């Protein structure tokens, strides 16, 4: 005796969910903006210092908060409204990145490092909230496709952001990378 099984849903079925479509688009925009800031900060620091070490410290400043803040942020997110956390972290990051644009105009490398650390620290609250919402938006059958589409959006928008930072650095100026990233957080 054979048991009929339902066909697997289309890999695009997860896009029928409005919340998933919105969070996917928001990630696409936000990751591109964050990539603008990450590369633009490195380019700016190198232009100011001519030091690969200073650029390395810039990149390190984006990673250190995950070690220090990440554990505490996960516990906090588990106990509070994840959607509100995501909204507030985006708004706070928008302000911080806006200040990065001002700091760059003031030629303050130390100020840039402090703001990059703060921005990366705030992001540590966003990430677990975001990651925990995905299973709520996709059914068990859609979860693999949802994660795949989110990864594609992340990697693709990172490449777009890096290319955009290079373009802005060679044309209108690096300050625009930070301004566009600040706007991307508000949009998202």
N, C-alpha and C. Protein backbone atom coordinates (compact mmCIF):
# COMPACT_ATOMS: atom_id res chain seq x y z
N UNK A 1 0.85 -1.17 0.00
CA UNK A 1 0.00 0.00 0.00
C UNK A 1 0.90 1.23 0.00
N UNK A 2 0.56 2.17 -0.84
CA UNK A 2 1.36 3.40 -0.92
C UNK A 2 0.57 4.54 -0.30
N UNK A 3 1.31 5.42 0.32
CA UNK A 3 0.70 6.58 0.96
C UNK A 3 1.01 7.80 0.09
N UNK A 4 -0.01 8.51 -0.25
CA UNK A 4 0.18 9.70 -1.07
C UNK A 4 0.78 10.81 -0.21
N UNK A 5 1.78 11.42 -0.75
CA UNK A 5 2.40 12.53 -0.03
C UNK A 5 2.13 13.82 -0.80
N UNK A 6 1.99 14.86 -0.06
CA UNK A 6 1.75 16.16 -0.69
C UNK A 6 3.03 16.62 -1.37
N UNK A 7 2.90 17.24 -2.51
CA UNK A 7 4.11 17.73 -3.17
C UNK A 7 4.77 18.83 -2.33
N UNK A 8 6.07 18.89 -2.43
CA UNK A 8 6.80 19.92 -1.71
C UNK A 8 6.39 21.29 -2.25
N UNK A 9 6.31 22.27 -1.36
CA UNK A 9 5.92 23.60 -1.84
C UNK A 9 7.02 24.19 -2.74
N UNK A 10 6.61 25.08 -3.58
CA UNK A 10 7.57 25.78 -4.43
C UNK A 10 8.58 26.50 -3.55
N UNK A 11 9.81 26.61 -4.04
CA UNK A 11 10.82 27.31 -3.23
C UNK A 11 10.48 28.78 -3.07
N UNK A 12 9.60 29.31 -3.90
CA UNK A 12 9.20 30.71 -3.80
C UNK A 12 7.95 30.89 -2.94
N UNK A 13 7.40 29.81 -2.39
CA UNK A 13 6.16 29.89 -1.61
C UNK A 13 6.31 30.81 -0.41
N UNK A 14 7.48 30.90 0.16
CA UNK A 14 7.70 31.73 1.33
C UNK A 14 7.44 33.21 1.02
N UNK A 15 7.58 33.60 -0.25
CA UNK A 15 7.34 35.00 -0.63
C UNK A 15 5.86 35.36 -0.65
N UNK A 16 4.99 34.38 -0.46
CA UNK A 16 3.56 34.68 -0.33
C UNK A 16 3.28 35.36 1.01
N UNK A 17 4.20 35.18 1.95
CA UNK A 17 4.06 35.76 3.28
C UNK A 17 4.57 37.21 3.24
N UNK A 18 3.67 38.15 3.48
CA UNK A 18 4.01 39.57 3.41
C UNK A 18 5.13 39.93 4.38
N UNK A 19 5.10 39.42 5.59
CA UNK A 19 6.15 39.72 6.57
C UNK A 19 7.51 39.25 6.08
N UNK A 20 7.54 38.08 5.47
CA UNK A 20 8.82 37.59 4.95
C UNK A 20 9.31 38.48 3.81
N UNK A 21 8.43 38.85 2.91
CA UNK A 21 8.84 39.72 1.80
C UNK A 21 9.43 41.02 2.33
N UNK A 22 8.79 41.59 3.34
CA UNK A 22 9.26 42.86 3.89
C UNK A 22 10.61 42.70 4.58
N UNK A 23 10.77 41.64 5.37
CA UNK A 23 12.04 41.47 6.08
C UNK A 23 13.16 41.10 5.10
N UNK A 24 12.83 40.38 4.04
CA UNK A 24 13.82 40.04 3.01
C UNK A 24 14.29 41.32 2.31
N UNK A 25 13.35 42.18 1.93
CA UNK A 25 13.70 43.43 1.28
C UNK A 25 14.48 44.35 2.23
N UNK A 26 14.06 44.39 3.47
CA UNK A 26 14.76 45.21 4.47
C UNK A 26 16.20 44.73 4.64
N UNK A 27 16.39 43.42 4.67
CA UNK A 27 17.75 42.90 4.81
C UNK A 27 18.59 43.26 3.60
N UNK A 28 18.00 43.16 2.44
CA UNK A 28 18.70 43.51 1.20
C UNK A 28 19.20 44.96 1.25
N UNK A 29 18.33 45.86 1.65
CA UNK A 29 18.68 47.28 1.71
C UNK A 29 19.68 47.55 2.84
N UNK A 30 19.40 47.02 4.01
CA UNK A 30 20.24 47.29 5.17
C UNK A 30 21.64 46.71 5.03
N UNK A 31 21.76 45.52 4.51
CA UNK A 31 23.07 44.90 4.35
C UNK A 31 23.90 45.66 3.32
N UNK A 32 23.26 46.12 2.25
CA UNK A 32 23.97 46.94 1.27
C UNK A 32 24.47 48.21 1.93
N UNK A 33 23.63 48.84 2.73
CA UNK A 33 24.03 50.06 3.44
C UNK A 33 25.16 49.82 4.42
N UNK A 34 25.06 48.74 5.18
CA UNK A 34 26.12 48.42 6.15
C UNK A 34 27.44 48.12 5.45
N UNK A 35 27.37 47.48 4.30
CA UNK A 35 28.59 47.21 3.53
C UNK A 35 29.20 48.51 3.02
N UNK A 36 28.34 49.47 2.66
CA UNK A 36 28.85 50.78 2.28
C UNK A 36 29.70 51.36 3.42
N UNK A 37 29.14 51.34 4.63
CA UNK A 37 29.84 51.89 5.79
C UNK A 37 31.12 51.13 6.09
N UNK A 38 31.05 49.82 6.08
CA UNK A 38 32.23 49.02 6.43
C UNK A 38 33.41 49.32 5.51
N UNK A 39 33.16 49.29 4.21
CA UNK A 39 34.27 49.53 3.28
C UNK A 39 34.65 51.01 3.24
N UNK A 40 33.68 51.89 3.28
CA UNK A 40 33.99 53.33 3.25
C UNK A 40 34.83 53.73 4.45
N UNK A 41 34.53 53.17 5.61
CA UNK A 41 35.33 53.48 6.81
C UNK A 41 36.77 53.03 6.61
N UNK A 42 36.95 51.84 6.09
CA UNK A 42 38.30 51.34 5.84
C UNK A 42 39.05 52.19 4.83
N UNK A 43 38.37 52.57 3.76
CA UNK A 43 38.99 53.43 2.74
C UNK A 43 39.37 54.77 3.35
N UNK A 44 38.47 55.35 4.12
CA UNK A 44 38.73 56.66 4.72
C UNK A 44 39.92 56.59 5.68
N UNK A 45 39.94 55.55 6.52
CA UNK A 45 41.05 55.41 7.46
C UNK A 45 42.37 55.24 6.71
N UNK A 46 42.36 54.48 5.65
CA UNK A 46 43.60 54.30 4.89
C UNK A 46 44.04 55.61 4.25
N UNK A 47 43.10 56.35 3.71
CA UNK A 47 43.45 57.64 3.09
C UNK A 47 44.03 58.60 4.13
N UNK A 48 43.49 58.56 5.34
CA UNK A 48 43.95 59.48 6.39
C UNK A 48 45.29 59.07 6.99
N UNK A 49 45.52 57.75 7.10
CA UNK A 49 46.70 57.29 7.85
C UNK A 49 47.76 56.62 6.99
N UNK A 50 47.37 56.14 5.84
CA UNK A 50 48.28 55.35 4.99
C UNK A 50 48.77 54.11 5.74
N UNK A 51 47.96 53.61 6.66
CA UNK A 51 48.36 52.50 7.52
C UNK A 51 47.40 51.32 7.37
N UNK A 52 47.95 50.18 6.97
CA UNK A 52 47.14 48.96 6.91
C UNK A 52 46.73 48.53 8.31
N UNK A 53 47.59 48.79 9.30
CA UNK A 53 47.25 48.47 10.69
C UNK A 53 46.01 49.24 11.13
N UNK A 54 45.94 50.51 10.80
CA UNK A 54 44.78 51.32 11.18
C UNK A 54 43.50 50.79 10.52
N UNK A 55 43.62 50.32 9.28
CA UNK A 55 42.47 49.71 8.61
C UNK A 55 42.08 48.42 9.32
N UNK A 56 43.07 47.63 9.71
CA UNK A 56 42.81 46.40 10.46
C UNK A 56 42.09 46.69 11.77
N UNK A 57 42.48 47.75 12.45
CA UNK A 57 41.80 48.15 13.69
C UNK A 57 40.35 48.56 13.42
N UNK A 58 40.13 49.17 12.27
CA UNK A 58 38.77 49.55 11.88
C UNK A 58 37.91 48.30 11.72
N UNK A 59 38.45 47.31 11.04
CA UNK A 59 37.70 46.06 10.87
C UNK A 59 37.53 45.32 12.18
N UNK A 60 38.56 45.37 13.03
CA UNK A 60 38.46 44.72 14.34
C UNK A 60 37.36 45.37 15.19
N UNK A 61 37.21 46.68 15.05
CA UNK A 61 36.18 47.39 15.81
C UNK A 61 34.78 46.90 15.46
N UNK A 62 34.60 46.37 14.26
CA UNK A 62 33.28 45.84 13.89
C UNK A 62 33.06 44.44 14.47
N UNK A 63 34.15 43.75 14.85
CA UNK A 63 34.04 42.37 15.33
C UNK A 63 34.03 42.24 16.84
N UNK A 64 34.73 43.11 17.54
CA UNK A 64 34.87 42.98 19.00
C UNK A 64 33.53 42.96 19.73
N UNK A 65 32.58 43.82 19.37
CA UNK A 65 31.30 43.79 20.10
C UNK A 65 30.58 42.44 20.06
N UNK A 66 30.79 41.66 19.02
CA UNK A 66 30.12 40.35 18.99
C UNK A 66 30.62 39.47 20.11
N UNK A 67 31.88 39.62 20.49
CA UNK A 67 32.43 38.83 21.60
C UNK A 67 31.95 39.35 22.94
N UNK A 68 31.87 40.65 23.08
CA UNK A 68 31.56 41.26 24.37
C UNK A 68 30.05 41.39 24.58
N UNK A 69 29.36 41.91 23.59
CA UNK A 69 27.94 42.24 23.74
C UNK A 69 27.03 41.09 23.30
N UNK A 70 27.51 40.27 22.38
CA UNK A 70 26.68 39.24 21.78
C UNK A 70 25.97 38.32 22.76
N UNK A 71 26.67 37.85 23.77
CA UNK A 71 26.06 36.93 24.73
C UNK A 71 24.95 37.60 25.53
N UNK A 72 25.20 38.81 25.97
CA UNK A 72 24.20 39.54 26.75
C UNK A 72 23.00 39.93 25.89
N UNK A 73 23.27 40.29 24.66
CA UNK A 73 22.19 40.71 23.77
C UNK A 73 21.21 39.57 23.50
N UNK A 74 21.73 38.36 23.32
CA UNK A 74 20.85 37.22 23.07
C UNK A 74 19.89 36.96 24.22
N UNK A 75 20.39 37.07 25.44
CA UNK A 75 19.54 36.89 26.62
C UNK A 75 18.49 37.99 26.69
N UNK A 76 18.89 39.21 26.43
CA UNK A 76 17.96 40.34 26.45
C UNK A 76 16.85 40.15 25.41
N UNK A 77 17.25 39.78 24.21
CA UNK A 77 16.29 39.62 23.12
C UNK A 77 15.28 38.52 23.44
N UNK A 78 15.73 37.45 24.08
CA UNK A 78 14.82 36.35 24.43
C UNK A 78 13.71 36.80 25.38
N UNK A 79 13.94 37.86 26.13
CA UNK A 79 12.99 38.29 27.16
C UNK A 79 12.15 39.49 26.76
N UNK A 80 12.37 40.03 25.56
CA UNK A 80 11.66 41.24 25.16
C UNK A 80 11.09 41.10 23.74
N UNK A 81 10.27 42.06 23.37
CA UNK A 81 9.61 42.07 22.06
C UNK A 81 10.64 42.24 20.95
N UNK A 82 10.81 41.19 20.15
CA UNK A 82 11.85 41.19 19.12
C UNK A 82 11.60 42.22 18.03
N UNK A 83 10.37 42.41 17.66
CA UNK A 83 10.08 43.40 16.60
C UNK A 83 10.45 44.81 17.06
N UNK A 84 10.11 45.14 18.30
CA UNK A 84 10.47 46.46 18.82
C UNK A 84 11.99 46.61 18.91
N UNK A 85 12.66 45.56 19.31
CA UNK A 85 14.13 45.60 19.37
C UNK A 85 14.70 45.88 17.98
N UNK A 86 14.17 45.22 16.97
CA UNK A 86 14.65 45.42 15.61
C UNK A 86 14.42 46.87 15.15
N UNK A 87 13.26 47.40 15.45
CA UNK A 87 12.95 48.77 15.04
C UNK A 87 13.88 49.76 15.75
N UNK A 88 14.02 49.59 17.07
CA UNK A 88 14.86 50.53 17.83
C UNK A 88 16.34 50.41 17.44
N UNK A 89 16.81 49.21 17.21
CA UNK A 89 18.22 49.09 16.83
C UNK A 89 18.47 49.74 15.47
N UNK A 90 17.54 49.60 14.54
CA UNK A 90 17.71 50.27 13.24
C UNK A 90 17.73 51.78 13.40
N UNK A 91 16.85 52.32 14.21
CA UNK A 91 16.81 53.77 14.42
C UNK A 91 18.09 54.25 15.10
N UNK A 92 18.54 53.52 16.11
CA UNK A 92 19.78 53.90 16.81
C UNK A 92 20.98 53.81 15.87
N UNK A 93 21.03 52.74 15.08
CA UNK A 93 22.13 52.61 14.13
C UNK A 93 22.10 53.73 13.09
N UNK A 94 20.93 54.15 12.70
CA UNK A 94 20.83 55.26 11.75
C UNK A 94 21.48 56.52 12.33
N UNK A 95 21.21 56.80 13.59
CA UNK A 95 21.79 57.97 14.24
C UNK A 95 23.31 57.82 14.36
N UNK A 96 23.76 56.65 14.77
CA UNK A 96 25.20 56.42 14.93
C UNK A 96 25.92 56.59 13.59
N UNK A 97 25.40 56.00 12.54
CA UNK A 97 26.04 56.10 11.23
C UNK A 97 25.97 57.54 10.72
N UNK A 98 24.91 58.26 11.04
CA UNK A 98 24.85 59.68 10.71
C UNK A 98 25.98 60.44 11.39
N UNK A 99 26.26 60.09 12.64
CA UNK A 99 27.38 60.72 13.35
C UNK A 99 28.72 60.32 12.75
N UNK A 100 28.80 59.13 12.17
CA UNK A 100 30.04 58.74 11.49
C UNK A 100 30.31 59.71 10.34
N UNK A 101 29.28 60.07 9.60
CA UNK A 101 29.45 61.02 8.50
C UNK A 101 30.01 62.35 9.02
N UNK A 102 29.50 62.80 10.16
CA UNK A 102 29.98 64.04 10.77
C UNK A 102 31.42 63.87 11.25
N UNK A 103 31.71 62.74 11.88
CA UNK A 103 33.04 62.47 12.41
C UNK A 103 34.08 62.44 11.30
N UNK A 104 33.73 61.87 10.17
CA UNK A 104 34.65 61.83 9.03
C UNK A 104 34.93 63.24 8.53
N UNK A 105 33.91 64.08 8.51
CA UNK A 105 34.12 65.47 8.10
C UNK A 105 35.02 66.21 9.08
N UNK A 106 35.02 65.79 10.34
CA UNK A 106 35.87 66.41 11.36
C UNK A 106 37.26 65.76 11.43
N UNK A 107 37.51 64.78 10.57
CA UNK A 107 38.81 64.07 10.53
C UNK A 107 39.19 63.43 11.86
N UNK A 108 38.23 62.81 12.53
CA UNK A 108 38.50 62.18 13.82
C UNK A 108 38.51 60.65 13.68
N UNK A 109 39.69 60.09 13.63
CA UNK A 109 39.81 58.63 13.51
C UNK A 109 39.36 57.96 14.81
N UNK A 110 39.73 58.53 15.94
CA UNK A 110 39.31 57.95 17.22
C UNK A 110 37.78 57.98 17.33
N UNK A 111 37.18 59.09 16.92
CA UNK A 111 35.72 59.18 16.92
C UNK A 111 35.09 58.12 16.03
N UNK A 112 35.72 57.89 14.87
CA UNK A 112 35.22 56.86 13.97
C UNK A 112 35.27 55.48 14.63
N UNK A 113 36.39 55.17 15.28
CA UNK A 113 36.52 53.87 15.96
C UNK A 113 35.44 53.71 17.03
N UNK A 114 35.21 54.75 17.81
CA UNK A 114 34.20 54.68 18.88
C UNK A 114 32.81 54.45 18.28
N UNK A 115 32.50 55.18 17.23
CA UNK A 115 31.17 55.02 16.61
C UNK A 115 31.01 53.67 15.94
N UNK A 116 32.07 53.16 15.34
CA UNK A 116 31.99 51.82 14.74
C UNK A 116 31.77 50.77 15.82
N UNK A 117 32.46 50.91 16.94
CA UNK A 117 32.24 49.98 18.07
C UNK A 117 30.79 50.05 18.56
N UNK A 118 30.29 51.26 18.73
CA UNK A 118 28.89 51.43 19.18
C UNK A 118 27.91 50.82 18.18
N UNK A 119 28.11 51.10 16.91
CA UNK A 119 27.22 50.58 15.88
C UNK A 119 27.22 49.05 15.89
N UNK A 120 28.40 48.47 15.96
CA UNK A 120 28.50 47.00 15.98
C UNK A 120 27.88 46.43 17.26
N UNK A 121 28.00 47.16 18.36
CA UNK A 121 27.38 46.71 19.61
C UNK A 121 25.87 46.71 19.53
N UNK A 122 25.31 47.75 18.96
CA UNK A 122 23.85 47.83 18.80
C UNK A 122 23.37 46.72 17.87
N UNK A 123 24.12 46.45 16.83
CA UNK A 123 23.76 45.39 15.87
C UNK A 123 23.65 44.03 16.55
N UNK A 124 24.37 43.83 17.64
CA UNK A 124 24.31 42.56 18.35
C UNK A 124 22.93 42.29 18.94
N UNK A 125 22.14 43.33 19.14
CA UNK A 125 20.77 43.14 19.61
C UNK A 125 19.83 42.84 18.43
N UNK A 126 20.14 43.40 17.29
CA UNK A 126 19.30 43.18 16.11
C UNK A 126 19.39 41.73 15.63
N UNK A 127 20.59 41.21 15.52
CA UNK A 127 20.80 39.91 14.89
C UNK A 127 20.01 38.76 15.53
N UNK A 128 20.06 38.57 16.86
CA UNK A 128 19.28 37.45 17.40
C UNK A 128 17.77 37.66 17.28
N UNK A 129 17.33 38.92 17.34
CA UNK A 129 15.90 39.19 17.16
C UNK A 129 15.48 38.81 15.75
N UNK A 130 16.28 39.21 14.80
CA UNK A 130 16.01 38.92 13.39
C UNK A 130 16.02 37.41 13.14
N UNK A 131 17.06 36.75 13.61
CA UNK A 131 17.19 35.31 13.39
C UNK A 131 16.04 34.51 14.00
N UNK A 132 15.53 34.98 15.14
CA UNK A 132 14.46 34.22 15.80
C UNK A 132 13.10 34.45 15.17
N UNK A 133 12.96 35.51 14.38
CA UNK A 133 11.67 35.76 13.72
C UNK A 133 11.47 34.93 12.46
N UNK A 134 12.54 34.51 11.83
CA UNK A 134 12.42 33.78 10.55
C UNK A 134 11.58 32.51 10.70
N UNK A 135 11.83 31.67 11.71
CA UNK A 135 10.99 30.46 11.83
C UNK A 135 9.51 30.77 12.10
N UNK A 136 9.22 31.96 12.61
CA UNK A 136 7.83 32.35 12.84
C UNK A 136 7.14 32.77 11.54
N UNK A 137 7.92 33.18 10.55
CA UNK A 137 7.35 33.66 9.30
C UNK A 137 7.23 32.56 8.25
N UNK A 138 8.05 31.55 8.35
CA UNK A 138 8.06 30.49 7.35
C UNK A 138 7.58 29.19 7.99
N UNK A 139 6.82 28.42 7.23
CA UNK A 139 6.42 27.10 7.72
C UNK A 139 7.64 26.19 7.74
N UNK A 140 7.51 25.04 8.34
CA UNK A 140 8.63 24.09 8.37
C UNK A 140 9.08 23.72 6.95
N UNK A 141 8.11 23.59 6.04
CA UNK A 141 8.43 23.25 4.64
C UNK A 141 9.13 24.40 3.91
N UNK A 142 8.87 25.63 4.35
CA UNK A 142 9.43 26.80 3.68
C UNK A 142 10.74 27.29 4.29
N UNK A 143 11.08 26.78 5.46
CA UNK A 143 12.22 27.32 6.22
C UNK A 143 13.54 27.23 5.46
N UNK A 144 13.80 26.11 4.80
CA UNK A 144 15.05 25.99 4.05
C UNK A 144 15.12 27.03 2.93
N UNK A 145 14.03 27.19 2.21
CA UNK A 145 14.00 28.18 1.13
C UNK A 145 14.14 29.58 1.70
N UNK A 146 13.47 29.86 2.81
CA UNK A 146 13.56 31.18 3.43
C UNK A 146 15.00 31.50 3.80
N UNK A 147 15.67 30.56 4.45
CA UNK A 147 17.07 30.78 4.84
C UNK A 147 17.97 30.94 3.61
N UNK A 148 17.70 30.18 2.57
CA UNK A 148 18.50 30.30 1.34
C UNK A 148 18.31 31.68 0.71
N UNK A 149 17.07 32.16 0.62
CA UNK A 149 16.82 33.47 0.03
C UNK A 149 17.41 34.59 0.88
N UNK A 150 17.38 34.42 2.20
CA UNK A 150 17.99 35.43 3.06
C UNK A 150 19.51 35.45 2.90
N UNK A 151 20.11 34.28 2.73
CA UNK A 151 21.56 34.23 2.49
C UNK A 151 21.92 34.87 1.16
N UNK A 152 21.12 34.58 0.14
CA UNK A 152 21.37 35.18 -1.17
C UNK A 152 21.26 36.70 -1.07
N UNK A 153 20.24 37.19 -0.38
CA UNK A 153 20.08 38.63 -0.21
C UNK A 153 21.26 39.23 0.54
N UNK A 154 21.72 38.53 1.56
CA UNK A 154 22.85 39.04 2.35
C UNK A 154 24.12 39.12 1.54
N UNK A 155 24.47 38.03 0.87
CA UNK A 155 25.72 38.03 0.10
C UNK A 155 25.64 38.97 -1.10
N UNK A 156 24.51 38.96 -1.78
CA UNK A 156 24.36 39.83 -2.94
C UNK A 156 24.40 41.30 -2.57
N UNK A 157 23.71 41.67 -1.50
CA UNK A 157 23.69 43.08 -1.12
C UNK A 157 25.02 43.51 -0.52
N UNK A 158 25.78 42.59 0.07
CA UNK A 158 27.13 42.92 0.54
C UNK A 158 27.99 43.30 -0.65
N UNK A 159 27.92 42.53 -1.70
CA UNK A 159 28.70 42.83 -2.91
C UNK A 159 28.28 44.18 -3.49
N UNK A 160 26.98 44.44 -3.52
CA UNK A 160 26.48 45.72 -4.03
C UNK A 160 26.99 46.87 -3.17
N UNK A 161 26.95 46.69 -1.85
CA UNK A 161 27.42 47.73 -0.94
C UNK A 161 28.90 48.01 -1.10
N UNK A 162 29.70 46.96 -1.22
CA UNK A 162 31.14 47.15 -1.41
C UNK A 162 31.42 47.88 -2.72
N UNK A 163 30.75 47.47 -3.78
CA UNK A 163 30.94 48.14 -5.08
C UNK A 163 30.48 49.59 -4.99
N UNK A 164 29.38 49.81 -4.30
CA UNK A 164 28.88 51.18 -4.13
C UNK A 164 29.85 52.06 -3.36
N UNK A 165 30.47 51.50 -2.33
CA UNK A 165 31.45 52.28 -1.56
C UNK A 165 32.64 52.65 -2.43
N UNK A 166 33.09 51.72 -3.24
CA UNK A 166 34.19 52.03 -4.15
C UNK A 166 33.81 53.11 -5.14
N UNK A 167 32.60 53.01 -5.66
CA UNK A 167 32.13 54.02 -6.63
C UNK A 167 32.02 55.39 -5.96
N UNK A 168 31.44 55.43 -4.77
CA UNK A 168 31.29 56.70 -4.07
C UNK A 168 32.65 57.29 -3.71
N UNK A 169 33.59 56.42 -3.30
CA UNK A 169 34.93 56.88 -2.93
C UNK A 169 35.64 57.53 -4.11
N UNK A 170 35.37 57.04 -5.30
CA UNK A 170 36.06 57.56 -6.48
C UNK A 170 35.31 58.66 -7.20
N UNK A 171 34.07 58.95 -6.74
CA UNK A 171 33.30 59.98 -7.44
C UNK A 171 32.87 61.12 -6.50
N UNK A 172 31.80 60.92 -5.77
CA UNK A 172 31.21 62.03 -4.98
C UNK A 172 31.75 62.15 -3.57
N UNK A 173 32.41 61.15 -3.05
CA UNK A 173 32.99 61.23 -1.71
C UNK A 173 32.43 60.19 -0.75
N UNK A 174 33.25 59.82 0.21
CA UNK A 174 32.90 58.76 1.15
C UNK A 174 31.79 59.14 2.12
N UNK A 175 31.64 60.41 2.40
CA UNK A 175 30.58 60.83 3.33
C UNK A 175 29.23 60.33 2.87
N UNK A 176 29.02 60.27 1.56
CA UNK A 176 27.74 59.79 1.02
C UNK A 176 27.48 58.33 1.38
N UNK A 177 28.52 57.54 1.52
CA UNK A 177 28.32 56.13 1.91
C UNK A 177 27.66 56.07 3.29
N UNK A 178 28.14 56.90 4.21
CA UNK A 178 27.57 56.90 5.56
C UNK A 178 26.16 57.47 5.58
N UNK A 179 25.94 58.49 4.79
CA UNK A 179 24.60 59.08 4.72
C UNK A 179 23.60 58.08 4.14
N UNK A 180 23.98 57.39 3.07
CA UNK A 180 23.10 56.39 2.47
C UNK A 180 22.83 55.24 3.43
N UNK A 181 23.85 54.83 4.19
CA UNK A 181 23.63 53.77 5.17
C UNK A 181 22.68 54.22 6.26
N UNK A 182 22.84 55.44 6.74
CA UNK A 182 21.92 55.96 7.77
C UNK A 182 20.48 55.95 7.26
N UNK A 183 20.31 56.33 6.00
CA UNK A 183 18.97 56.32 5.38
C UNK A 183 18.46 54.89 5.25
N UNK A 184 19.37 53.94 4.93
CA UNK A 184 18.93 52.55 4.77
C UNK A 184 18.36 51.99 6.07
N UNK A 185 18.92 52.40 7.21
CA UNK A 185 18.38 51.93 8.48
C UNK A 185 16.97 52.48 8.74
N UNK A 186 16.74 53.70 8.34
CA UNK A 186 15.41 54.29 8.52
C UNK A 186 14.40 53.58 7.63
N UNK A 187 14.79 53.32 6.39
CA UNK A 187 13.90 52.61 5.46
C UNK A 187 13.54 51.24 6.00
N UNK A 188 14.53 50.55 6.50
CA UNK A 188 14.31 49.18 6.96
C UNK A 188 13.50 49.14 8.23
